[in-house]
Amino acid sequence: MMETRQLVVAGVALALVIGVTAVFFASGDPDGLESSAFYVQGEKTLTGDAPEEGDPEAIGAGTFAYEAPMPDYTLGEEAGKAGEVMAIIAGIVLSMVGVFAVARVAAAGRA
């Protein structure tokens, strides 16, 4: 039977392989949350088109401001695919550190 440490290492390795590979298959189109933000800001309509002046469907009155640390999973346009790969790896590592920290605190509280 596989030891816990080996299972964790295999899981992290699998997450890295999937994350790095996914960069090359990801769509450049906005996801649902980003699309909703564009709609609230009046930058698009429900049909996906840019609103025309005076369009009653373009609400434009809403405000939504958020800047992600690594927008669109990149480290900037100039970094290209390498920047996307580095952003995915950083996200996976930071997520794993957070999960392990919470697990350690939970295990200490049980003891």
PDB file of N, CA and C in Angstrom:
ATOM      1  N   MET A   1       0.839  -1.187   0.000  1.00  0.00           N
ATOM      2  CA  MET A   1       0.000   0.000   0.000  1.00  0.00           C
ATOM      3  C   MET A   1       0.878   1.242   0.000  1.00  0.00           C
ATOM      4  N   MET A   2       0.426   2.240  -0.707  1.00  0.00           N
ATOM      5  CA  MET A   2       1.172   3.478  -0.855  1.00  0.00           C
ATOM      6  C   MET A   2       1.139   4.276   0.444  1.00  0.00           C
ATOM      7  N   GLU A   3       2.294   4.780   0.856  1.00  0.00           N
ATOM      8  CA  GLU A   3       2.343   5.603   2.061  1.00  0.00           C
ATOM      9  C   GLU A   3       1.723   6.964   1.783  1.00  0.00           C
ATOM     10  N   THR A   4       1.345   7.644   2.849  1.00  0.00           N
ATOM     11  CA  THR A   4       0.698   8.949   2.720  1.00  0.00           C
ATOM     12  C   THR A   4       1.589   9.942   1.985  1.00  0.00           C
ATOM     13  N   ARG A   5       2.855   9.967   2.311  1.00  0.00           N
ATOM     14  CA  ARG A   5       3.790  10.909   1.675  1.00  0.00           C
ATOM     15  C   ARG A   5       3.875  10.646   0.168  1.00  0.00           C
ATOM     16  N   GLN A   6       3.932   9.376  -0.210  1.00  0.00           N
ATOM     17  CA  GLN A   6       3.987   9.044  -1.632  1.00  0.00           C
ATOM     18  C   GLN A   6       2.697   9.446  -2.343  1.00  0.00           C
ATOM     19  N   LEU A   7       1.582   9.277  -1.666  1.00  0.00           N
ATOM     20  CA  LEU A   7       0.288   9.654  -2.236  1.00  0.00           C
ATOM     21  C   LEU A   7       0.207  11.168  -2.441  1.00  0.00           C
ATOM     22  N   VAL A   8       0.709  11.921  -1.477  1.00  0.00           N
ATOM     23  CA  VAL A   8       0.703  13.387  -1.590  1.00  0.00           C
ATOM     24  C   VAL A   8       1.610  13.833  -2.734  1.00  0.00           C
ATOM     25  N   VAL A   9       2.797  13.262  -2.819  1.00  0.00           N
ATOM     26  CA  VAL A   9       3.725  13.616  -3.893  1.00  0.00           C
ATOM     27  C   VAL A   9       3.122  13.266  -5.253  1.00  0.00           C
ATOM     28  N   ALA A  10       2.487  12.111  -5.351  1.00  0.00           N
ATOM     29  CA  ALA A  10       1.847  11.717  -6.614  1.00  0.00           C
ATOM     30  C   ALA A  10       0.707  12.676  -6.956  1.00  0.00           C
ATOM     31  N   GLY A  11      -0.074  13.100  -5.961  1.00  0.00           N
ATOM     32  CA  GLY A  11      -1.165  14.039  -6.192  1.00  0.00           C
ATOM     33  C   GLY A  11      -0.669  15.397  -6.650  1.00  0.00           C
ATOM     34  N   VAL A  12       0.384  15.893  -6.017  1.00  0.00           N
ATOM     35  CA  VAL A  12       0.959  17.184  -6.415  1.00  0.00           C
ATOM     36  C   VAL A  12       1.530  17.088  -7.831  1.00  0.00           C
ATOM     37  N   ALA A  13       2.228  16.008  -8.124  1.00  0.00           N
ATOM     38  CA  ALA A  13       2.785  15.824  -9.469  1.00  0.00           C
ATOM     39  C   ALA A  13       1.673  15.771 -10.516  1.00  0.00           C
ATOM     40  N   LEU A  14       0.595  15.061 -10.221  1.00  0.00           N
ATOM     41  CA  LEU A  14      -0.529  14.972 -11.144  1.00  0.00           C
ATOM     42  C   LEU A  14      -1.178  16.343 -11.343  1.00  0.00           C
ATOM     43  N   ALA A  15      -1.340  17.098 -10.267  1.00  0.00           N
ATOM     44  CA  ALA A  15      -1.923  18.446 -10.370  1.00  0.00           C
ATOM     45  C   ALA A  15      -1.042  19.348 -11.232  1.00  0.00           C
ATOM     46  N   LEU A  16       0.263  19.245 -11.068  1.00  0.00           N
ATOM     47  CA  LEU A  16       1.173  20.058 -11.875  1.00  0.00           C
ATOM     48  C   LEU A  16       1.107  19.673 -13.347  1.00  0.00           C
ATOM     49  N   VAL A  17       1.072  18.375 -13.627  1.00  0.00           N
ATOM     50  CA  VAL A  17       0.993  17.923 -15.027  1.00  0.00           C
ATOM     51  C   VAL A  17      -0.307  18.408 -15.669  1.00  0.00           C
ATOM     52  N   ILE A  18      -1.418  18.237 -14.971  1.00  0.00           N
ATOM     53  CA  ILE A  18      -2.711  18.684 -15.512  1.00  0.00           C
ATOM     54  C   ILE A  18      -2.731  20.194 -15.678  1.00  0.00           C
ATOM     55  N   GLY A  19      -2.252  20.924 -14.680  1.00  0.00           N
ATOM     56  CA  GLY A  19      -2.251  22.385 -14.742  1.00  0.00           C
ATOM     57  C   GLY A  19      -1.397  22.923 -15.870  1.00  0.00           C
ATOM     58  N   VAL A  20      -0.203  22.381 -16.027  1.00  0.00           N
ATOM     59  CA  VAL A  20       0.702  22.852 -17.078  1.00  0.00           C
ATOM     60  C   VAL A  20       0.153  22.487 -18.454  1.00  0.00           C
ATOM     61  N   THR A  21      -0.414  21.312 -18.589  1.00  0.00           N
ATOM     62  CA  THR A  21      -0.975  20.880 -19.873  1.00  0.00           C
ATOM     63  C   THR A  21      -2.218  21.694 -20.225  1.00  0.00           C
ATOM     64  N   ALA A  22      -3.024  22.041 -19.232  1.00  0.00           N
ATOM     65  CA  ALA A  22      -4.271  22.772 -19.472  1.00  0.00           C
ATOM     66  C   ALA A  22      -4.036  24.146 -20.071  1.00  0.00           C
ATOM     67  N   VAL A  23      -2.878  24.744 -19.809  1.00  0.00           N
ATOM     68  CA  VAL A  23      -2.570  26.070 -20.340  1.00  0.00           C
ATOM     69  C   VAL A  23      -2.683  26.085 -21.862  1.00  0.00           C
ATOM     70  N   PHE A  24      -2.280  25.012 -22.485  1.00  0.00           N
ATOM     71  CA  PHE A  24      -2.243  24.980 -23.938  1.00  0.00           C
ATOM     72  C   PHE A  24      -3.608  24.668 -24.565  1.00  0.00           C
ATOM     73  N   PHE A  25      -4.583  24.266 -23.745  1.00  0.00           N
ATOM     74  CA  PHE A  25      -5.919  23.963 -24.243  1.00  0.00           C
ATOM     75  C   PHE A  25      -6.969  24.970 -23.772  1.00  0.00           C
ATOM     76  N   ALA A  26      -6.581  25.924 -22.942  1.00  0.00           N
ATOM     77  CA  ALA A  26      -7.529  26.872 -22.350  1.00  0.00           C
ATOM     78  C   ALA A  26      -8.051  27.864 -23.389  1.00  0.00           C
ATOM     79  N   SER A  27      -9.288  28.272 -23.208  1.00  0.00           N
ATOM     80  CA  SER A  27      -9.918  29.240 -24.099  1.00  0.00           C
ATOM     81  C   SER A  27      -9.567  30.658 -23.659  1.00  0.00           C
ATOM     82  N   GLY A  28      -9.456  31.537 -24.616  1.00  0.00           N
ATOM     83  CA  GLY A  28      -9.204  32.939 -24.308  1.00  0.00           C
ATOM     84  C   GLY A  28     -10.476  33.715 -24.046  1.00  0.00           C
ATOM     85  N   ASP A  29     -11.633  33.080 -24.214  1.00  0.00           N
ATOM     86  CA  ASP A  29     -12.910  33.745 -23.988  1.00  0.00           C
ATOM     87  C   ASP A  29     -13.148  33.921 -22.491  1.00  0.00           C
ATOM     88  N   PRO A  30     -13.907  34.953 -22.096  1.00  0.00           N
ATOM     89  CA  PRO A  30     -14.178  35.167 -20.671  1.00  0.00           C
ATOM     90  C   PRO A  30     -15.043  34.049 -20.087  1.00  0.00           C
ATOM     91  N   ASP A  31     -14.783  33.728 -18.826  1.00  0.00           N
ATOM     92  CA  ASP A  31     -15.611  32.736 -18.142  1.00  0.00           C
ATOM     93  C   ASP A  31     -16.899  33.412 -17.663  1.00  0.00           C
ATOM     94  N   GLY A  32     -17.736  32.680 -16.963  1.00  0.00           N
ATOM     95  CA  GLY A  32     -19.025  33.206 -16.536  1.00  0.00           C
ATOM     96  C   GLY A  32     -18.927  34.410 -15.626  1.00  0.00           C
ATOM     97  N   LEU A  33     -18.018  34.386 -14.663  1.00  0.00           N
ATOM     98  CA  LEU A  33     -17.867  35.508 -13.732  1.00  0.00           C
ATOM     99  C   LEU A  33     -17.362  36.754 -14.453  1.00  0.00           C
ATOM    100  N   GLU A  34     -16.376  36.568 -15.297  1.00  0.00           N
ATOM    101  CA  GLU A  34     -15.824  37.692 -16.038  1.00  0.00           C
ATOM    102  C   GLU A  34     -16.867  38.261 -17.010  1.00  0.00           C
ATOM    103  N   SER A  35     -17.633  37.384 -17.626  1.00  0.00           N
ATOM    104  CA  SER A  35     -18.692  37.811 -18.536  1.00  0.00           C
ATOM    105  C   SER A  35     -19.761  38.608 -17.795  1.00  0.00           C
ATOM    106  N   SER A  36     -20.113  38.158 -16.588  1.00  0.00           N
ATOM    107  CA  SER A  36     -21.086  38.890 -15.772  1.00  0.00           C
ATOM    108  C   SER A  36     -20.565  40.271 -15.393  1.00  0.00           C
ATOM    109  N   ALA A  37     -19.277  40.367 -15.084  1.00  0.00           N
ATOM    110  CA  ALA A  37     -18.681  41.660 -14.746  1.00  0.00           C
ATOM    111  C   ALA A  37     -18.734  42.604 -15.940  1.00  0.00           C
ATOM    112  N   PHE A  38     -18.464  42.088 -17.141  1.00  0.00           N
ATOM    113  CA  PHE A  38     -18.561  42.921 -18.339  1.00  0.00           C
ATOM    114  C   PHE A  38     -19.978  43.424 -18.535  1.00  0.00           C
ATOM    115  N   TYR A  39     -20.967  42.571 -18.262  1.00  0.00           N
ATOM    116  CA  TYR A  39     -22.367  42.963 -18.412  1.00  0.00           C
ATOM    117  C   TYR A  39     -22.727  44.057 -17.409  1.00  0.00           C
ATOM    118  N   VAL A  40     -22.315  43.888 -16.153  1.00  0.00           N
ATOM    119  CA  VAL A  40     -22.614  44.870 -15.107  1.00  0.00           C
ATOM    120  C   VAL A  40     -21.974  46.215 -15.436  1.00  0.00           C
ATOM    121  N   GLN A  41     -20.785  46.180 -16.003  1.00  0.00           N
ATOM    122  CA  GLN A  41     -20.087  47.418 -16.357  1.00  0.00           C
ATOM    123  C   GLN A  41     -20.624  48.034 -17.646  1.00  0.00           C
ATOM    124  N   GLY A  42     -21.513  47.329 -18.338  1.00  0.00           N
ATOM    125  CA  GLY A  42     -22.061  47.855 -19.575  1.00  0.00           C
ATOM    126  C   GLY A  42     -21.153  47.670 -20.766  1.00  0.00           C
ATOM    127  N   GLU A  43     -20.152  46.786 -20.647  1.00  0.00           N
ATOM    128  CA  GLU A  43     -19.216  46.567 -21.737  1.00  0.00           C
ATOM    129  C   GLU A  43     -19.705  45.502 -22.719  1.00  0.00           C
ATOM    130  N   LYS A  44     -20.773  44.786 -22.380  1.00  0.00           N
ATOM    131  CA  LYS A  44     -21.361  43.810 -23.289  1.00  0.00           C
ATOM    132  C   LYS A  44     -22.826  43.625 -22.950  1.00  0.00           C
ATOM    133  N   THR A  45     -23.563  43.068 -23.882  1.00  0.00           N
ATOM    134  CA  THR A  45     -24.971  42.779 -23.662  1.00  0.00           C
ATOM    135  C   THR A  45     -25.118  41.287 -23.381  1.00  0.00           C
ATOM    136  N   LEU A  46     -26.327  40.866 -23.112  1.00  0.00           N
ATOM    137  CA  LEU A  46     -26.545  39.442 -22.845  1.00  0.00           C
ATOM    138  C   LEU A  46     -26.280  38.577 -24.068  1.00  0.00           C
ATOM    139  N   THR A  47     -26.319  39.163 -25.241  1.00  0.00           N
ATOM    140  CA  THR A  47     -26.028  38.399 -26.462  1.00  0.00           C
ATOM    141  C   THR A  47     -24.540  38.342 -26.750  1.00  0.00           C
ATOM    142  N   GLY A  48     -23.726  39.037 -25.963  1.00  0.00           N
ATOM    143  CA  GLY A  48     -22.283  38.996 -26.119  1.00  0.00           C
ATOM    144  C   GLY A  48     -21.709  40.123 -26.953  1.00  0.00           C
ATOM    145  N   ASP A  49     -22.568  40.948 -27.548  1.00  0.00           N
ATOM    146  CA  ASP A  49     -22.095  42.050 -28.363  1.00  0.00           C
ATOM    147  C   ASP A  49     -21.757  43.249 -27.480  1.00  0.00           C
ATOM    148  N   ALA A  50     -20.926  44.117 -28.013  1.00  0.00           N
ATOM    149  CA  ALA A  50     -20.666  45.379 -27.320  1.00  0.00           C
ATOM    150  C   ALA A  50     -21.926  46.233 -27.440  1.00  0.00           C
ATOM    151  N   PRO A  51     -22.368  46.868 -26.361  1.00  0.00           N
ATOM    152  CA  PRO A  51     -23.610  47.657 -26.425  1.00  0.00           C
ATOM    153  C   PRO A  51     -23.440  48.908 -27.273  1.00  0.00           C
ATOM    154  N   GLU A  52     -24.513  49.274 -27.944  1.00  0.00           N
ATOM    155  CA  GLU A  52     -24.521  50.513 -28.716  1.00  0.00           C
ATOM    156  C   GLU A  52     -24.971  51.648 -27.800  1.00  0.00           C
ATOM    157  N   GLU A  53     -24.625  52.859 -28.181  1.00  0.00           N
ATOM    158  CA  GLU A  53     -25.042  54.019 -27.392  1.00  0.00           C
ATOM    159  C   GLU A  53     -26.554  54.055 -27.295  1.00  0.00           C
ATOM    160  N   GLY A  54     -27.082  54.294 -26.111  1.00  0.00           N
ATOM    161  CA  GLY A  54     -28.515  54.386 -25.904  1.00  0.00           C
ATOM    162  C   GLY A  54     -29.214  53.039 -25.855  1.00  0.00           C
ATOM    163  N   ASP A  55     -28.461  51.948 -25.856  1.00  0.00           N
ATOM    164  CA  ASP A  55     -29.049  50.605 -25.817  1.00  0.00           C
ATOM    165  C   ASP A  55     -29.658  50.385 -24.437  1.00  0.00           C
ATOM    166  N   PRO A  56     -30.980  50.114 -24.342  1.00  0.00           N
ATOM    167  CA  PRO A  56     -31.601  49.935 -23.032  1.00  0.00           C
ATOM    168  C   PRO A  56     -31.105  48.698 -22.299  1.00  0.00           C
ATOM    169  N   GLU A  57     -30.531  47.751 -23.037  1.00  0.00           N
ATOM    170  CA  GLU A  57     -30.029  46.541 -22.385  1.00  0.00           C
ATOM    171  C   GLU A  57     -28.687  46.788 -21.693  1.00  0.00           C
ATOM    172  N   ALA A  58     -27.972  47.796 -22.116  1.00  0.00           N
ATOM    173  CA  ALA A  58     -26.672  48.119 -21.533  1.00  0.00           C
ATOM    174  C   ALA A  58     -26.896  48.944 -20.285  1.00  0.00           C
ATOM    175  N   ILE A  59     -26.767  48.313 -19.129  1.00  0.00           N
ATOM    176  CA  ILE A  59     -27.060  49.023 -17.893  1.00  0.00           C
ATOM    177  C   ILE A  59     -25.961  50.008 -17.532  1.00  0.00           C
ATOM    178  N   GLY A  60     -24.721  49.666 -17.645  1.00  0.00           N
ATOM    179  CA  GLY A  60     -23.609  50.578 -17.476  1.00  0.00           C
ATOM    180  C   GLY A  60     -23.543  51.326 -16.167  1.00  0.00           C
ATOM    181  N   ALA A  61     -24.594  51.303 -15.354  1.00  0.00           N
ATOM    182  CA  ALA A  61     -24.597  52.064 -14.111  1.00  0.00           C
ATOM    183  C   ALA A  61     -23.866  51.308 -13.006  1.00  0.00           C
ATOM    184  N   GLY A  62     -23.730  50.014 -13.157  1.00  0.00           N
ATOM    185  CA  GLY A  62     -23.078  49.213 -12.128  1.00  0.00           C
ATOM    186  C   GLY A  62     -21.579  49.449 -12.116  1.00  0.00           C
ATOM    187  N   THR A  63     -21.005  49.257 -10.969  1.00  0.00           N
ATOM    188  CA  THR A  63     -19.561  49.364 -10.878  1.00  0.00           C
ATOM    189  C   THR A  63     -19.020  48.069 -10.332  1.00  0.00           C
ATOM    190  N   PHE A  64     -17.963  47.634 -10.926  1.00  0.00           N
ATOM    191  CA  PHE A  64     -17.327  46.399 -10.496  1.00  0.00           C
ATOM    192  C   PHE A  64     -15.842  46.571 -10.703  1.00  0.00           C
ATOM    193  N   ALA A  65     -15.078  46.496  -9.645  1.00  0.00           N
ATOM    194  CA  ALA A  65     -13.637  46.665  -9.770  1.00  0.00           C
ATOM    195  C   ALA A  65     -12.931  45.589  -8.965  1.00  0.00           C
ATOM    196  N   TYR A  66     -12.106  44.852  -9.671  1.00  0.00           N
ATOM    197  CA  TYR A  66     -11.291  43.829  -9.010  1.00  0.00           C
ATOM    198  C   TYR A  66     -10.111  43.538  -9.907  1.00  0.00           C
ATOM    199  N   GLU A  67      -8.946  43.532  -9.365  1.00  0.00           N
ATOM    200  CA  GLU A  67      -7.749  43.194 -10.125  1.00  0.00           C
ATOM    201  C   GLU A  67      -7.131  41.949  -9.500  1.00  0.00           C
ATOM    202  N   ALA A  68      -7.134  40.875 -10.247  1.00  0.00           N
ATOM    203  CA  ALA A  68      -6.581  39.609  -9.765  1.00  0.00           C
ATOM    204  C   ALA A  68      -5.061  39.704  -9.693  1.00  0.00           C
ATOM    205  N   PRO A  69      -4.450  38.945  -8.776  1.00  0.00           N
ATOM    206  CA  PRO A  69      -2.988  38.956  -8.694  1.00  0.00           C
ATOM    207  C   PRO A  69      -2.332  38.468  -9.987  1.00  0.00           C
ATOM    208  N   MET A  70      -2.939  37.481 -10.622  1.00  0.00           N
ATOM    209  CA  MET A  70      -2.439  36.963 -11.896  1.00  0.00           C
ATOM    210  C   MET A  70      -3.621  36.876 -12.859  1.00  0.00           C
ATOM    211  N   PRO A  71      -4.038  38.027 -13.433  1.00  0.00           N
ATOM    212  CA  PRO A  71      -5.230  38.020 -14.280  1.00  0.00           C
ATOM    213  C   PRO A  71      -5.090  37.071 -15.464  1.00  0.00           C
ATOM    214  N   ASP A  72      -6.154  36.343 -15.727  1.00  0.00           N
ATOM    215  CA  ASP A  72      -6.200  35.364 -16.817  1.00  0.00           C
ATOM    216  C   ASP A  72      -5.076  34.336 -16.731  1.00  0.00           C
ATOM    217  N   TYR A  73      -4.651  34.033 -15.513  1.00  0.00           N
ATOM    218  CA  TYR A  73      -3.620  33.024 -15.275  1.00  0.00           C
ATOM    219  C   TYR A  73      -2.341  33.325 -16.034  1.00  0.00           C
ATOM    220  N   THR A  74      -1.915  34.587 -16.035  1.00  0.00           N
ATOM    221  CA  THR A  74      -0.679  34.971 -16.710  1.00  0.00           C
ATOM    222  C   THR A  74       0.154  35.851 -15.790  1.00  0.00           C
ATOM    223  N   LEU A  75       1.380  36.034 -16.190  1.00  0.00           N
ATOM    224  CA  LEU A  75       2.262  36.977 -15.506  1.00  0.00           C
ATOM    225  C   LEU A  75       2.489  38.193 -16.393  1.00  0.00           C
ATOM    226  N   GLY A  76       1.569  38.405 -17.325  1.00  0.00           N
ATOM    227  CA  GLY A  76       1.657  39.527 -18.248  1.00  0.00           C
ATOM    228  C   GLY A  76       1.733  39.044 -19.683  1.00  0.00           C
ATOM    229  N   GLU A  77       1.331  39.909 -20.584  1.00  0.00           N
ATOM    230  CA  GLU A  77       1.317  39.555 -22.005  1.00  0.00           C
ATOM    231  C   GLU A  77       2.703  39.211 -22.525  1.00  0.00           C
ATOM    232  N   GLU A  78       3.723  39.930 -22.044  1.00  0.00           N
ATOM    233  CA  GLU A  78       5.068  39.714 -22.558  1.00  0.00           C
ATOM    234  C   GLU A  78       5.649  38.355 -22.152  1.00  0.00           C
ATOM    235  N   ALA A  79       5.109  37.740 -21.097  1.00  0.00           N
ATOM    236  CA  ALA A  79       5.626  36.444 -20.648  1.00  0.00           C
ATOM    237  C   ALA A  79       5.110  35.290 -21.503  1.00  0.00           C
ATOM    238  N   GLY A  80       3.985  35.464 -22.183  1.00  0.00           N
ATOM    239  CA  GLY A  80       3.453  34.438 -23.079  1.00  0.00           C
ATOM    240  C   GLY A  80       3.050  33.168 -22.349  1.00  0.00           C
ATOM    241  N   LYS A  81       3.196  32.042 -23.029  1.00  0.00           N
ATOM    242  CA  LYS A  81       2.812  30.742 -22.458  1.00  0.00           C
ATOM    243  C   LYS A  81       3.670  30.388 -21.248  1.00  0.00           C
ATOM    244  N   ALA A  82       4.929  30.796 -21.245  1.00  0.00           N
ATOM    245  CA  ALA A  82       5.798  30.520 -20.092  1.00  0.00           C
ATOM    246  C   ALA A  82       5.249  31.204 -18.839  1.00  0.00           C
ATOM    247  N   GLY A  83       4.730  32.421 -19.001  1.00  0.00           N
ATOM    248  CA  GLY A  83       4.121  33.132 -17.875  1.00  0.00           C
ATOM    249  C   GLY A  83       2.872  32.437 -17.380  1.00  0.00           C
ATOM    250  N   GLU A  84       2.085  31.882 -18.314  1.00  0.00           N
ATOM    251  CA  GLU A  84       0.888  31.140 -17.925  1.00  0.00           C
ATOM    252  C   GLU A  84       1.265  29.889 -17.142  1.00  0.00           C
ATOM    253  N   VAL A  85       2.292  29.180 -17.611  1.00  0.00           N
ATOM    254  CA  VAL A  85       2.745  27.974 -16.916  1.00  0.00           C
ATOM    255  C   VAL A  85       3.235  28.326 -15.519  1.00  0.00           C
ATOM    256  N   MET A  86       4.021  29.400 -15.399  1.00  0.00           N
ATOM    257  CA  MET A  86       4.528  29.805 -14.079  1.00  0.00           C
ATOM    258  C   MET A  86       3.387  30.224 -13.152  1.00  0.00           C
ATOM    259  N   ALA A  87       2.374  30.898 -13.685  1.00  0.00           N
ATOM    260  CA  ALA A  87       1.231  31.303 -12.870  1.00  0.00           C
ATOM    261  C   ALA A  87       0.456  30.088 -12.374  1.00  0.00           C
ATOM    262  N   ILE A  88       0.269  29.089 -13.234  1.00  0.00           N
ATOM    263  CA  ILE A  88      -0.431  27.864 -12.826  1.00  0.00           C
ATOM    264  C   ILE A  88       0.359  27.139 -11.747  1.00  0.00           C
ATOM    265  N   ILE A  89       1.667  27.021 -11.938  1.00  0.00           N
ATOM    266  CA  ILE A  89       2.508  26.338 -10.940  1.00  0.00           C
ATOM    267  C   ILE A  89       2.452  27.086  -9.610  1.00  0.00           C
ATOM    268  N   ALA A  90       2.539  28.413  -9.651  1.00  0.00           N
ATOM    269  CA  ALA A  90       2.465  29.208  -8.416  1.00  0.00           C
ATOM    270  C   ALA A  90       1.118  29.009  -7.732  1.00  0.00           C
ATOM    271  N   GLY A  91       0.040  28.992  -8.506  1.00  0.00           N
ATOM    272  CA  GLY A  91      -1.287  28.771  -7.934  1.00  0.00           C
ATOM    273  C   GLY A  91      -1.428  27.410  -7.284  1.00  0.00           C
ATOM    274  N   ILE A  92      -0.907  26.381  -7.943  1.00  0.00           N
ATOM    275  CA  ILE A  92      -0.974  25.023  -7.386  1.00  0.00           C
ATOM    276  C   ILE A  92      -0.166  24.942  -6.103  1.00  0.00           C
ATOM    277  N   VAL A  93       1.038  25.484  -6.124  1.00  0.00           N
ATOM    278  CA  VAL A  93       1.897  25.426  -4.920  1.00  0.00           C
ATOM    279  C   VAL A  93       1.254  26.201  -3.767  1.00  0.00           C
ATOM    280  N   LEU A  94       0.746  27.394  -4.037  1.00  0.00           N
ATOM    281  CA  LEU A  94       0.102  28.174  -2.969  1.00  0.00           C
ATOM    282  C   LEU A  94      -1.147  27.479  -2.433  1.00  0.00           C
ATOM    283  N   SER A  95      -1.905  26.853  -3.312  1.00  0.00           N
ATOM    284  CA  SER A  95      -3.096  26.107  -2.870  1.00  0.00           C
ATOM    285  C   SER A  95      -2.706  24.939  -1.987  1.00  0.00           C
ATOM    286  N   MET A  96      -1.687  24.213  -2.397  1.00  0.00           N
ATOM    287  CA  MET A  96      -1.239  23.058  -1.605  1.00  0.00           C
ATOM    288  C   MET A  96      -0.710  23.493  -0.233  1.00  0.00           C
ATOM    289  N   VAL A  97       0.024  24.593  -0.203  1.00  0.00           N
ATOM    290  CA  VAL A  97       0.524  25.099   1.082  1.00  0.00           C
ATOM    291  C   VAL A  97      -0.649  25.451   1.987  1.00  0.00           C
ATOM    292  N   GLY A  98      -1.661  26.101   1.441  1.00  0.00           N
ATOM    293  CA  GLY A  98      -2.849  26.437   2.228  1.00  0.00           C
ATOM    294  C   GLY A  98      -3.576  25.217   2.741  1.00  0.00           C
ATOM    295  N   VAL A  99      -3.743  24.215   1.881  1.00  0.00           N
ATOM    296  CA  VAL A  99      -4.429  22.984   2.286  1.00  0.00           C
ATOM    297  C   VAL A  99      -3.645  22.269   3.383  1.00  0.00           C
ATOM    298  N   PHE A 100      -2.334  22.166   3.214  1.00  0.00           N
ATOM    299  CA  PHE A 100      -1.525  21.491   4.224  1.00  0.00           C
ATOM    300  C   PHE A 100      -1.522  22.251   5.552  1.00  0.00           C
ATOM    301  N   ALA A 101      -1.541  23.591   5.495  1.00  0.00           N
ATOM    302  CA  ALA A 101      -1.590  24.393   6.719  1.00  0.00           C
ATOM    303  C   ALA A 101      -2.907  24.158   7.460  1.00  0.00           C
ATOM    304  N   VAL A 102      -4.016  24.164   6.731  1.00  0.00           N
ATOM    305  CA  VAL A 102      -5.315  23.917   7.363  1.00  0.00           C
ATOM    306  C   VAL A 102      -5.372  22.494   7.927  1.00  0.00           C
ATOM    307  N   ALA A 103      -4.846  21.523   7.185  1.00  0.00           N
ATOM    308  CA  ALA A 103      -4.843  20.139   7.662  1.00  0.00           C
ATOM    309  C   ALA A 103      -4.003  19.998   8.927  1.00  0.00           C
ATOM    310  N   ARG A 104      -2.891  20.681   8.985  1.00  0.00           N
ATOM    311  CA  ARG A 104      -2.024  20.598  10.167  1.00  0.00           C
ATOM    312  C   ARG A 104      -2.718  21.203  11.388  1.00  0.00           C
ATOM    313  N   VAL A 105      -3.383  22.349  11.189  1.00  0.00           N
ATOM    314  CA  VAL A 105      -4.112  22.989  12.284  1.00  0.00           C
ATOM    315  C   VAL A 105      -5.252  22.095  12.743  1.00  0.00           C
ATOM    316  N   ALA A 106      -5.967  21.490  11.801  1.00  0.00           N
ATOM    317  CA  ALA A 106      -7.086  20.600  12.158  1.00  0.00           C
ATOM    318  C   ALA A 106      -6.586  19.370  12.901  1.00  0.00           C
ATOM    319  N   ALA A 107      -5.443  18.819  12.461  1.00  0.00           N
ATOM    320  CA  ALA A 107      -4.900  17.640  13.134  1.00  0.00           C
ATOM    321  C   ALA A 107      -4.403  17.990  14.531  1.00  0.00           C
ATOM    322  N   ALA A 108      -3.833  19.181  14.709  1.00  0.00           N
ATOM    323  CA  ALA A 108      -3.354  19.595  16.024  1.00  0.00           C
ATOM    324  C   ALA A 108      -4.533  19.803  16.979  1.00  0.00           C
ATOM    325  N   GLY A 109      -5.641  20.299  16.447  1.00  0.00           N
ATOM    326  CA  GLY A 109      -6.817  20.513  17.285  1.00  0.00           C
ATOM    327  C   GLY A 109      -7.460  19.212  17.716  1.00  0.00           C
ATOM    328  N   ARG A 110      -7.280  18.168  16.940  1.00  0.00           N
ATOM    329  CA  ARG A 110      -7.840  16.855  17.269  1.00  0.00           C
ATOM    330  C   ARG A 110      -7.026  16.127  18.332  1.00  0.00           C
ATOM    331  N   ALA A 111      -5.733  16.422  18.373  1.00  0.00           N
ATOM    332  CA  ALA A 111      -4.846  15.715  19.305  1.00  0.00           C
ATOM    333  C   ALA A 111      -4.996  16.139  20.737  1.00  0.00           C
TER     334      ALA A 111
END
